[in-house]
Amino acid sequence: MWNHQVDLNLIYIVIRGAEDVNLAMQLLTAFEQWKLQDNNKQKYKARTNEFLKRRCCNHNINLFCIFICEKALKESSAIEVAISETVNDCLPFVEKDKTQKE
């Protein structure tokens, strides 16, 4: 479905938040569909610097945080959620993990 290119940090966050594999798969599917609708990826590109200034460097996580805030956490800021996931909660996978897969 995703050509085995899904970010490990994204999978980690979704499974940790969903606590159910079926719900996690539904979220990932909905997220992939959302990215393609209404130019959401392009809208994120306009906000990229806001995320990067706050040390949120994983674009997949940032996009997912925007998705979650739009769909479920309407009172939360996507940047604050991204900060929580990347800085405060210390995502476990780093860039070198991607090279080990290849």
PDB file of N, CA and C in Angstrom:
ATOM      1  N   MET A   1       0.824  -1.198   0.000  1.00  0.00           N
ATOM      2  CA  MET A   1       0.000   0.000   0.000  1.00  0.00           C
ATOM      3  C   MET A   1       0.866   1.260   0.000  1.00  0.00           C
ATOM      4  N   TRP A   2       1.870   1.325   0.878  1.00  0.00           N
ATOM      5  CA  TRP A   2       2.741   2.489   0.942  1.00  0.00           C
ATOM      6  C   TRP A   2       4.117   2.163   0.387  1.00  0.00           C
ATOM      7  N   ASN A   3       4.222   1.050  -0.305  1.00  0.00           N
ATOM      8  CA  ASN A   3       5.480   0.645  -0.913  1.00  0.00           C
ATOM      9  C   ASN A   3       6.579   0.509   0.151  1.00  0.00           C
ATOM     10  N   HIS A   4       6.180   0.160   1.363  1.00  0.00           N
ATOM     11  CA  HIS A   4       7.097  -0.055   2.482  1.00  0.00           C
ATOM     12  C   HIS A   4       7.976   1.160   2.760  1.00  0.00           C
ATOM     13  N   GLN A   5       7.442   2.344   2.550  1.00  0.00           N
ATOM     14  CA  GLN A   5       8.190   3.567   2.772  1.00  0.00           C
ATOM     15  C   GLN A   5       7.601   4.400   3.912  1.00  0.00           C
ATOM     16  N   VAL A   6       6.803   3.814   4.784  1.00  0.00           N
ATOM     17  CA  VAL A   6       6.213   4.560   5.883  1.00  0.00           C
ATOM     18  C   VAL A   6       7.290   4.809   6.931  1.00  0.00           C
ATOM     19  N   ASP A   7       7.358   6.023   7.393  1.00  0.00           N
ATOM     20  CA  ASP A   7       8.313   6.449   8.399  1.00  0.00           C
ATOM     21  C   ASP A   7       8.090   5.651   9.696  1.00  0.00           C
ATOM     22  N   LEU A   8       9.154   5.078  10.243  1.00  0.00           N
ATOM     23  CA  LEU A   8       9.037   4.285  11.474  1.00  0.00           C
ATOM     24  C   LEU A   8       8.536   5.120  12.647  1.00  0.00           C
ATOM     25  N   ASN A   9       8.924   6.388  12.701  1.00  0.00           N
ATOM     26  CA  ASN A   9       8.428   7.249  13.776  1.00  0.00           C
ATOM     27  C   ASN A   9       6.935   7.472  13.657  1.00  0.00           C
ATOM     28  N   LEU A  10       6.446   7.590  12.444  1.00  0.00           N
ATOM     29  CA  LEU A  10       5.011   7.753  12.233  1.00  0.00           C
ATOM     30  C   LEU A  10       4.260   6.512  12.707  1.00  0.00           C
ATOM     31  N   ILE A  11       4.762   5.345  12.354  1.00  0.00           N
ATOM     32  CA  ILE A  11       4.144   4.097  12.808  1.00  0.00           C
ATOM     33  C   ILE A  11       4.153   4.029  14.333  1.00  0.00           C
ATOM     34  N   TYR A  12       5.269   4.394  14.945  1.00  0.00           N
ATOM     35  CA  TYR A  12       5.405   4.381  16.406  1.00  0.00           C
ATOM     36  C   TYR A  12       4.351   5.279  17.049  1.00  0.00           C
ATOM     37  N   ILE A  13       4.220   6.493  16.556  1.00  0.00           N
ATOM     38  CA  ILE A  13       3.257   7.434  17.133  1.00  0.00           C
ATOM     39  C   ILE A  13       1.829   6.946  16.957  1.00  0.00           C
ATOM     40  N   VAL A  14       1.518   6.438  15.785  1.00  0.00           N
ATOM     41  CA  VAL A  14       0.147   5.990  15.517  1.00  0.00           C
ATOM     42  C   VAL A  14      -0.211   4.790  16.392  1.00  0.00           C
ATOM     43  N   ILE A  15       0.669   3.822  16.484  1.00  0.00           N
ATOM     44  CA  ILE A  15       0.376   2.640  17.301  1.00  0.00           C
ATOM     45  C   ILE A  15       0.311   3.006  18.776  1.00  0.00           C
ATOM     46  N   ARG A  16       1.226   3.854  19.229  1.00  0.00           N
ATOM     47  CA  ARG A  16       1.217   4.270  20.632  1.00  0.00           C
ATOM     48  C   ARG A  16      -0.071   5.012  20.971  1.00  0.00           C
ATOM     49  N   GLY A  17      -0.533   5.854  20.049  1.00  0.00           N
ATOM     50  CA  GLY A  17      -1.754   6.614  20.296  1.00  0.00           C
ATOM     51  C   GLY A  17      -3.015   5.789  20.141  1.00  0.00           C
ATOM     52  N   ALA A  18      -3.017   4.889  19.173  1.00  0.00           N
ATOM     53  CA  ALA A  18      -4.221   4.104  18.896  1.00  0.00           C
ATOM     54  C   ALA A  18      -4.358   2.924  19.848  1.00  0.00           C
ATOM     55  N   GLU A  19      -3.247   2.316  20.227  1.00  0.00           N
ATOM     56  CA  GLU A  19      -3.215   1.146  21.108  1.00  0.00           C
ATOM     57  C   GLU A  19      -4.009  -0.037  20.543  1.00  0.00           C
ATOM     58  N   ASP A  20      -4.321   0.002  19.269  1.00  0.00           N
ATOM     59  CA  ASP A  20      -5.025  -1.085  18.594  1.00  0.00           C
ATOM     60  C   ASP A  20      -4.534  -1.093  17.152  1.00  0.00           C
ATOM     61  N   VAL A  21      -4.067  -2.217  16.688  1.00  0.00           N
ATOM     62  CA  VAL A  21      -3.471  -2.304  15.359  1.00  0.00           C
ATOM     63  C   VAL A  21      -4.484  -1.966  14.268  1.00  0.00           C
ATOM     64  N   ASN A  22      -5.715  -2.415  14.426  1.00  0.00           N
ATOM     65  CA  ASN A  22      -6.738  -2.119  13.415  1.00  0.00           C
ATOM     66  C   ASN A  22      -7.018  -0.620  13.330  1.00  0.00           C
ATOM     67  N   LEU A  23      -7.122   0.034  14.477  1.00  0.00           N
ATOM     68  CA  LEU A  23      -7.335   1.475  14.492  1.00  0.00           C
ATOM     69  C   LEU A  23      -6.118   2.193  13.912  1.00  0.00           C
ATOM     70  N   ALA A  24      -4.935   1.698  14.226  1.00  0.00           N
ATOM     71  CA  ALA A  24      -3.704   2.287  13.686  1.00  0.00           C
ATOM     72  C   ALA A  24      -3.694   2.210  12.166  1.00  0.00           C
ATOM     73  N   MET A  25      -4.077   1.064  11.621  1.00  0.00           N
ATOM     74  CA  MET A  25      -4.125   0.913  10.166  1.00  0.00           C
ATOM     75  C   MET A  25      -5.159   1.850   9.549  1.00  0.00           C
ATOM     76  N   GLN A  26      -6.300   1.995  10.207  1.00  0.00           N
ATOM     77  CA  GLN A  26      -7.323   2.914   9.713  1.00  0.00           C
ATOM     78  C   GLN A  26      -6.815   4.352   9.718  1.00  0.00           C
ATOM     79  N   LEU A  27      -6.116   4.723  10.788  1.00  0.00           N
ATOM     80  CA  LEU A  27      -5.552   6.073  10.878  1.00  0.00           C
ATOM     81  C   LEU A  27      -4.517   6.319   9.786  1.00  0.00           C
ATOM     82  N   LEU A  28      -3.629   5.358   9.583  1.00  0.00           N
ATOM     83  CA  LEU A  28      -2.604   5.513   8.545  1.00  0.00           C
ATOM     84  C   LEU A  28      -3.232   5.615   7.161  1.00  0.00           C
ATOM     85  N   THR A  29      -4.253   4.822   6.916  1.00  0.00           N
ATOM     86  CA  THR A  29      -4.945   4.881   5.628  1.00  0.00           C
ATOM     87  C   THR A  29      -5.637   6.224   5.438  1.00  0.00           C
ATOM     88  N   ALA A  30      -6.338   6.675   6.465  1.00  0.00           N
ATOM     89  CA  ALA A  30      -7.023   7.969   6.396  1.00  0.00           C
ATOM     90  C   ALA A  30      -6.013   9.098   6.219  1.00  0.00           C
ATOM     91  N   PHE A  31      -4.882   8.997   6.894  1.00  0.00           N
ATOM     92  CA  PHE A  31      -3.835  10.013   6.783  1.00  0.00           C
ATOM     93  C   PHE A  31      -3.276  10.070   5.362  1.00  0.00           C
ATOM     94  N   GLU A  32      -3.001   8.921   4.773  1.00  0.00           N
ATOM     95  CA  GLU A  32      -2.466   8.888   3.409  1.00  0.00           C
ATOM     96  C   GLU A  32      -3.470   9.493   2.427  1.00  0.00           C
ATOM     97  N   GLN A  33      -4.747   9.233   2.623  1.00  0.00           N
ATOM     98  CA  GLN A  33      -5.777   9.807   1.752  1.00  0.00           C
ATOM     99  C   GLN A  33      -5.887  11.316   1.971  1.00  0.00           C
ATOM    100  N   TRP A  34      -5.816  11.735   3.233  1.00  0.00           N
ATOM    101  CA  TRP A  34      -5.905  13.155   3.578  1.00  0.00           C
ATOM    102  C   TRP A  34      -4.771  13.953   2.951  1.00  0.00           C
ATOM    103  N   LYS A  35      -3.556  13.371   2.940  1.00  0.00           N
ATOM    104  CA  LYS A  35      -2.406  14.088   2.373  1.00  0.00           C
ATOM    105  C   LYS A  35      -2.640  14.464   0.918  1.00  0.00           C
ATOM    106  N   LEU A  36      -3.361  13.646   0.197  1.00  0.00           N
ATOM    107  CA  LEU A  36      -3.584  13.875  -1.224  1.00  0.00           C
ATOM    108  C   LEU A  36      -4.771  14.795  -1.509  1.00  0.00           C
ATOM    109  N   GLN A  37      -5.634  14.984  -0.520  1.00  0.00           N
ATOM    110  CA  GLN A  37      -6.835  15.792  -0.715  1.00  0.00           C
ATOM    111  C   GLN A  37      -6.550  17.265  -0.431  1.00  0.00           C
ATOM    112  N   ASP A  38      -7.222  18.124  -1.126  1.00  0.00           N
ATOM    113  CA  ASP A  38      -7.197  19.569  -0.867  1.00  0.00           C
ATOM    114  C   ASP A  38      -5.786  20.145  -0.766  1.00  0.00           C
ATOM    115  N   ASN A  39      -4.841  19.540  -1.456  1.00  0.00           N
ATOM    116  CA  ASN A  39      -3.465  20.033  -1.458  1.00  0.00           C
ATOM    117  C   ASN A  39      -2.879  20.188  -0.055  1.00  0.00           C
ATOM    118  N   ASN A  40      -3.218  19.272   0.853  1.00  0.00           N
ATOM    119  CA  ASN A  40      -2.737  19.368   2.231  1.00  0.00           C
ATOM    120  C   ASN A  40      -1.221  19.344   2.319  1.00  0.00           C
ATOM    121  N   LYS A  41      -0.569  18.580   1.455  1.00  0.00           N
ATOM    122  CA  LYS A  41       0.891  18.569   1.449  1.00  0.00           C
ATOM    123  C   LYS A  41       1.440  19.934   1.053  1.00  0.00           C
ATOM    124  N   GLN A  42       0.812  20.566   0.097  1.00  0.00           N
ATOM    125  CA  GLN A  42       1.252  21.890  -0.346  1.00  0.00           C
ATOM    126  C   GLN A  42       1.010  22.934   0.748  1.00  0.00           C
ATOM    127  N   LYS A  43      -0.109  22.826   1.452  1.00  0.00           N
ATOM    128  CA  LYS A  43      -0.388  23.744   2.560  1.00  0.00           C
ATOM    129  C   LYS A  43       0.673  23.599   3.645  1.00  0.00           C
ATOM    130  N   TYR A  44       1.112  22.360   3.896  1.00  0.00           N
ATOM    131  CA  TYR A  44       2.159  22.143   4.898  1.00  0.00           C
ATOM    132  C   TYR A  44       3.472  22.790   4.465  1.00  0.00           C
ATOM    133  N   LYS A  45       3.791  22.703   3.181  1.00  0.00           N
ATOM    134  CA  LYS A  45       5.046  23.297   2.694  1.00  0.00           C
ATOM    135  C   LYS A  45       5.105  24.788   3.013  1.00  0.00           C
ATOM    136  N   ALA A  46       3.963  25.453   3.010  1.00  0.00           N
ATOM    137  CA  ALA A  46       3.920  26.871   3.350  1.00  0.00           C
ATOM    138  C   ALA A  46       4.209  27.107   4.829  1.00  0.00           C
ATOM    139  N   ARG A  47       3.951  26.098   5.670  1.00  0.00           N
ATOM    140  CA  ARG A  47       4.153  26.217   7.122  1.00  0.00           C
ATOM    141  C   ARG A  47       5.411  25.500   7.621  1.00  0.00           C
ATOM    142  N   THR A  48       6.170  24.912   6.727  1.00  0.00           N
ATOM    143  CA  THR A  48       7.320  24.099   7.118  1.00  0.00           C
ATOM    144  C   THR A  48       8.257  24.826   8.070  1.00  0.00           C
ATOM    145  N   ASN A  49       8.560  26.078   7.778  1.00  0.00           N
ATOM    146  CA  ASN A  49       9.512  26.817   8.618  1.00  0.00           C
ATOM    147  C   ASN A  49       9.027  26.985  10.046  1.00  0.00           C
ATOM    148  N   GLU A  50       7.710  27.107  10.242  1.00  0.00           N
ATOM    149  CA  GLU A  50       7.167  27.201  11.606  1.00  0.00           C
ATOM    150  C   GLU A  50       7.535  25.961  12.413  1.00  0.00           C
ATOM    151  N   PHE A  51       7.428  24.799  11.800  1.00  0.00           N
ATOM    152  CA  PHE A  51       7.748  23.550  12.476  1.00  0.00           C
ATOM    153  C   PHE A  51       9.254  23.424  12.700  1.00  0.00           C
ATOM    154  N   LEU A  52      10.027  23.739  11.673  1.00  0.00           N
ATOM    155  CA  LEU A  52      11.478  23.579  11.772  1.00  0.00           C
ATOM    156  C   LEU A  52      12.079  24.508  12.817  1.00  0.00           C
ATOM    157  N   LYS A  53      11.538  25.706  12.980  1.00  0.00           N
ATOM    158  CA  LYS A  53      12.031  26.641  14.002  1.00  0.00           C
ATOM    159  C   LYS A  53      11.835  26.075  15.407  1.00  0.00           C
ATOM    160  N   ARG A  54      10.850  25.217  15.570  1.00  0.00           N
ATOM    161  CA  ARG A  54      10.542  24.631  16.888  1.00  0.00           C
ATOM    162  C   ARG A  54      11.140  23.240  17.046  1.00  0.00           C
ATOM    163  N   ARG A  55      12.123  22.880  16.184  1.00  0.00           N
ATOM    164  CA  ARG A  55      12.856  21.617  16.223  1.00  0.00           C
ATOM    165  C   ARG A  55      12.014  20.407  15.814  1.00  0.00           C
ATOM    166  N   CYS A  56      10.969  20.621  15.051  1.00  0.00           N
ATOM    167  CA  CYS A  56      10.144  19.529  14.547  1.00  0.00           C
ATOM    168  C   CYS A  56      10.570  19.266  13.105  1.00  0.00           C
ATOM    169  N   CYS A  57      11.529  18.382  12.934  1.00  0.00           N
ATOM    170  CA  CYS A  57      12.181  18.212  11.637  1.00  0.00           C
ATOM    171  C   CYS A  57      11.651  17.039  10.819  1.00  0.00           C
ATOM    172  N   ASN A  58      10.792  16.221  11.378  1.00  0.00           N
ATOM    173  CA  ASN A  58      10.256  15.082  10.644  1.00  0.00           C
ATOM    174  C   ASN A  58       8.969  15.524   9.943  1.00  0.00           C
ATOM    175  N   HIS A  59       9.031  15.667   8.631  1.00  0.00           N
ATOM    176  CA  HIS A  59       7.891  16.200   7.888  1.00  0.00           C
ATOM    177  C   HIS A  59       6.677  15.279   7.949  1.00  0.00           C
ATOM    178  N   ASN A  60       6.897  13.971   7.993  1.00  0.00           N
ATOM    179  CA  ASN A  60       5.760  13.040   8.103  1.00  0.00           C
ATOM    180  C   ASN A  60       5.040  13.211   9.429  1.00  0.00           C
ATOM    181  N   ILE A  61       5.797  13.371  10.501  1.00  0.00           N
ATOM    182  CA  ILE A  61       5.186  13.582  11.819  1.00  0.00           C
ATOM    183  C   ILE A  61       4.446  14.912  11.842  1.00  0.00           C
ATOM    184  N   ASN A  62       5.050  15.945  11.291  1.00  0.00           N
ATOM    185  CA  ASN A  62       4.404  17.258  11.264  1.00  0.00           C
ATOM    186  C   ASN A  62       3.089  17.204  10.498  1.00  0.00           C
ATOM    187  N   LEU A  63       3.105  16.551   9.345  1.00  0.00           N
ATOM    188  CA  LEU A  63       1.874  16.402   8.564  1.00  0.00           C
ATOM    189  C   LEU A  63       0.828  15.617   9.336  1.00  0.00           C
ATOM    190  N   PHE A  64       1.261  14.552  10.007  1.00  0.00           N
ATOM    191  CA  PHE A  64       0.321  13.743  10.782  1.00  0.00           C
ATOM    192  C   PHE A  64      -0.277  14.565  11.925  1.00  0.00           C
ATOM    193  N   CYS A  65       0.528  15.412  12.551  1.00  0.00           N
ATOM    194  CA  CYS A  65       0.017  16.260  13.632  1.00  0.00           C
ATOM    195  C   CYS A  65      -1.028  17.244  13.111  1.00  0.00           C
ATOM    196  N   ILE A  66      -0.814  17.790  11.929  1.00  0.00           N
ATOM    197  CA  ILE A  66      -1.822  18.664  11.320  1.00  0.00           C
ATOM    198  C   ILE A  66      -3.098  17.871  11.068  1.00  0.00           C
ATOM    199  N   PHE A  67      -2.953  16.660  10.525  1.00  0.00           N
ATOM    200  CA  PHE A  67      -4.098  15.781  10.255  1.00  0.00           C
ATOM    201  C   PHE A  67      -4.884  15.502  11.533  1.00  0.00           C
ATOM    202  N   ILE A  68      -4.192  15.103  12.589  1.00  0.00           N
ATOM    203  CA  ILE A  68      -4.859  14.775  13.860  1.00  0.00           C
ATOM    204  C   ILE A  68      -5.550  16.000  14.450  1.00  0.00           C
ATOM    205  N   CYS A  69      -4.890  17.149  14.385  1.00  0.00           N
ATOM    206  CA  CYS A  69      -5.499  18.361  14.940  1.00  0.00           C
ATOM    207  C   CYS A  69      -6.729  18.783  14.157  1.00  0.00           C
ATOM    208  N   GLU A  70      -6.703  18.591  12.852  1.00  0.00           N
ATOM    209  CA  GLU A  70      -7.885  18.914  12.042  1.00  0.00           C
ATOM    210  C   GLU A  70      -9.031  17.957  12.312  1.00  0.00           C
ATOM    211  N   LYS A  71      -8.723  16.679  12.488  1.00  0.00           N
ATOM    212  CA  LYS A  71      -9.766  15.662  12.602  1.00  0.00           C
ATOM    213  C   LYS A  71     -10.264  15.431  14.028  1.00  0.00           C
ATOM    214  N   ALA A  72      -9.360  15.496  15.011  1.00  0.00           N
ATOM    215  CA  ALA A  72      -9.769  15.099  16.357  1.00  0.00           C
ATOM    216  C   ALA A  72      -9.438  16.123  17.446  1.00  0.00           C
ATOM    217  N   LEU A  73      -8.292  16.746  17.375  1.00  0.00           N
ATOM    218  CA  LEU A  73      -7.830  17.637  18.440  1.00  0.00           C
ATOM    219  C   LEU A  73      -7.979  19.094  18.030  1.00  0.00           C
ATOM    220  N   LYS A  74      -9.175  19.487  17.726  1.00  0.00           N
ATOM    221  CA  LYS A  74      -9.418  20.806  17.156  1.00  0.00           C
ATOM    222  C   LYS A  74      -8.928  21.941  18.052  1.00  0.00           C
ATOM    223  N   GLU A  75      -8.858  21.708  19.349  1.00  0.00           N
ATOM    224  CA  GLU A  75      -8.417  22.770  20.254  1.00  0.00           C
ATOM    225  C   GLU A  75      -6.893  22.830  20.383  1.00  0.00           C
ATOM    226  N   SER A  76      -6.186  21.863  19.854  1.00  0.00           N
ATOM    227  CA  SER A  76      -4.734  21.820  19.961  1.00  0.00           C
ATOM    228  C   SER A  76      -4.071  22.386  18.715  1.00  0.00           C
ATOM    229  N   SER A  77      -2.868  22.908  18.929  1.00  0.00           N
ATOM    230  CA  SER A  77      -2.060  23.409  17.819  1.00  0.00           C
ATOM    231  C   SER A  77      -1.220  22.262  17.269  1.00  0.00           C
ATOM    232  N   ALA A  78      -1.171  22.132  15.963  1.00  0.00           N
ATOM    233  CA  ALA A  78      -0.396  21.066  15.333  1.00  0.00           C
ATOM    234  C   ALA A  78       1.082  21.183  15.703  1.00  0.00           C
ATOM    235  N   ILE A  79       1.573  22.399  15.816  1.00  0.00           N
ATOM    236  CA  ILE A  79       2.978  22.591  16.173  1.00  0.00           C
ATOM    237  C   ILE A  79       3.229  22.118  17.600  1.00  0.00           C
ATOM    238  N   GLU A  80       2.330  22.418  18.512  1.00  0.00           N
ATOM    239  CA  GLU A  80       2.497  21.976  19.901  1.00  0.00           C
ATOM    240  C   GLU A  80       2.457  20.450  20.006  1.00  0.00           C
ATOM    241  N   VAL A  81       1.581  19.820  19.244  1.00  0.00           N
ATOM    242  CA  VAL A  81       1.510  18.360  19.237  1.00  0.00           C
ATOM    243  C   VAL A  81       2.800  17.785  18.666  1.00  0.00           C
ATOM    244  N   ALA A  82       3.295  18.378  17.590  1.00  0.00           N
ATOM    245  CA  ALA A  82       4.544  17.916  16.976  1.00  0.00           C
ATOM    246  C   ALA A  82       5.714  18.075  17.937  1.00  0.00           C
ATOM    247  N   ILE A  83       5.754  19.170  18.667  1.00  0.00           N
ATOM    248  CA  ILE A  83       6.811  19.377  19.667  1.00  0.00           C
ATOM    249  C   ILE A  83       6.733  18.297  20.730  1.00  0.00           C
ATOM    250  N   SER A  84       5.539  18.023  21.188  1.00  0.00           N
ATOM    251  CA  SER A  84       5.355  16.990  22.209  1.00  0.00           C
ATOM    252  C   SER A  84       5.879  15.649  21.740  1.00  0.00           C
ATOM    253  N   GLU A  85       5.576  15.309  20.498  1.00  0.00           N
ATOM    254  CA  GLU A  85       5.996  14.012  19.976  1.00  0.00           C
ATOM    255  C   GLU A  85       7.487  13.947  19.681  1.00  0.00           C
ATOM    256  N   THR A  86       8.063  15.010  19.164  1.00  0.00           N
ATOM    257  CA  THR A  86       9.459  14.946  18.737  1.00  0.00           C
ATOM    258  C   THR A  86      10.450  15.307  19.828  1.00  0.00           C
ATOM    259  N   VAL A  87      10.175  16.345  20.581  1.00  0.00           N
ATOM    260  CA  VAL A  87      11.136  16.819  21.575  1.00  0.00           C
ATOM    261  C   VAL A  87      10.865  16.206  22.949  1.00  0.00           C
ATOM    262  N   ASN A  88       9.659  16.352  23.431  1.00  0.00           N
ATOM    263  CA  ASN A  88       9.346  15.895  24.788  1.00  0.00           C
ATOM    264  C   ASN A  88       9.317  14.372  24.906  1.00  0.00           C
ATOM    265  N   ASP A  89       8.742  13.702  23.898  1.00  0.00           N
ATOM    266  CA  ASP A  89       8.587  12.252  23.977  1.00  0.00           C
ATOM    267  C   ASP A  89       9.720  11.490  23.307  1.00  0.00           C
ATOM    268  N   CYS A  90      10.669  12.206  22.733  1.00  0.00           N
ATOM    269  CA  CYS A  90      11.877  11.602  22.138  1.00  0.00           C
ATOM    270  C   CYS A  90      11.553  10.434  21.211  1.00  0.00           C
ATOM    271  N   LEU A  91      11.275  10.748  19.984  1.00  0.00           N
ATOM    272  CA  LEU A  91      11.006   9.696  19.014  1.00  0.00           C
ATOM    273  C   LEU A  91      12.193   8.747  18.935  1.00  0.00           C
ATOM    274  N   PRO A  92      11.941   7.458  18.834  1.00  0.00           N
ATOM    275  CA  PRO A  92      13.023   6.477  18.958  1.00  0.00           C
ATOM    276  C   PRO A  92      13.870   6.239  17.721  1.00  0.00           C
ATOM    277  N   PHE A  93      13.376   6.567  16.541  1.00  0.00           N
ATOM    278  CA  PHE A  93      14.101   6.215  15.323  1.00  0.00           C
ATOM    279  C   PHE A  93      14.781   7.441  14.737  1.00  0.00           C
ATOM    280  N   VAL A  94      15.978   7.268  14.260  1.00  0.00           N
ATOM    281  CA  VAL A  94      16.739   8.382  13.709  1.00  0.00           C
ATOM    282  C   VAL A  94      17.095   8.091  12.258  1.00  0.00           C
ATOM    283  N   GLU A  95      17.725   9.041  11.611  1.00  0.00           N
ATOM    284  CA  GLU A  95      18.055   8.933  10.194  1.00  0.00           C
ATOM    285  C   GLU A  95      18.884   7.706   9.879  1.00  0.00           C
ATOM    286  N   LYS A  96      19.790   7.316  10.764  1.00  0.00           N
ATOM    287  CA  LYS A  96      20.647   6.155  10.489  1.00  0.00           C
ATOM    288  C   LYS A  96      19.856   4.855  10.411  1.00  0.00           C
ATOM    289  N   ASP A  97      18.670   4.791  11.037  1.00  0.00           N
ATOM    290  CA  ASP A  97      17.826   3.608  10.965  1.00  0.00           C
ATOM    291  C   ASP A  97      17.340   3.368   9.536  1.00  0.00           C
ATOM    292  N   LYS A  98      17.134   4.437   8.789  1.00  0.00           N
ATOM    293  CA  LYS A  98      16.677   4.304   7.403  1.00  0.00           C
ATOM    294  C   LYS A  98      17.750   3.647   6.543  1.00  0.00           C
ATOM    295  N   THR A  99      18.995   3.993   6.777  1.00  0.00           N
ATOM    296  CA  THR A  99      20.076   3.420   5.973  1.00  0.00           C
ATOM    297  C   THR A  99      20.288   1.955   6.310  1.00  0.00           C
ATOM    298  N   GLN A 100      19.989   1.552   7.516  1.00  0.00           N
ATOM    299  CA  GLN A 100      20.146   0.145   7.902  1.00  0.00           C
ATOM    300  C   GLN A 100      19.127  -0.740   7.202  1.00  0.00           C
ATOM    301  N   LYS A 101      17.956  -0.178   6.859  1.00  0.00           N
ATOM    302  CA  LYS A 101      16.917  -0.945   6.162  1.00  0.00           C
ATOM    303  C   LYS A 101      17.330  -1.259   4.736  1.00  0.00           C
ATOM    304  N   GLU A 102      18.119  -0.374   4.142  1.00  0.00           N
ATOM    305  CA  GLU A 102      18.501  -0.536   2.734  1.00  0.00           C
ATOM    306  C   GLU A 102      19.598  -1.502   2.621  1.00  0.00           C
TER     307      GLU A 102
END
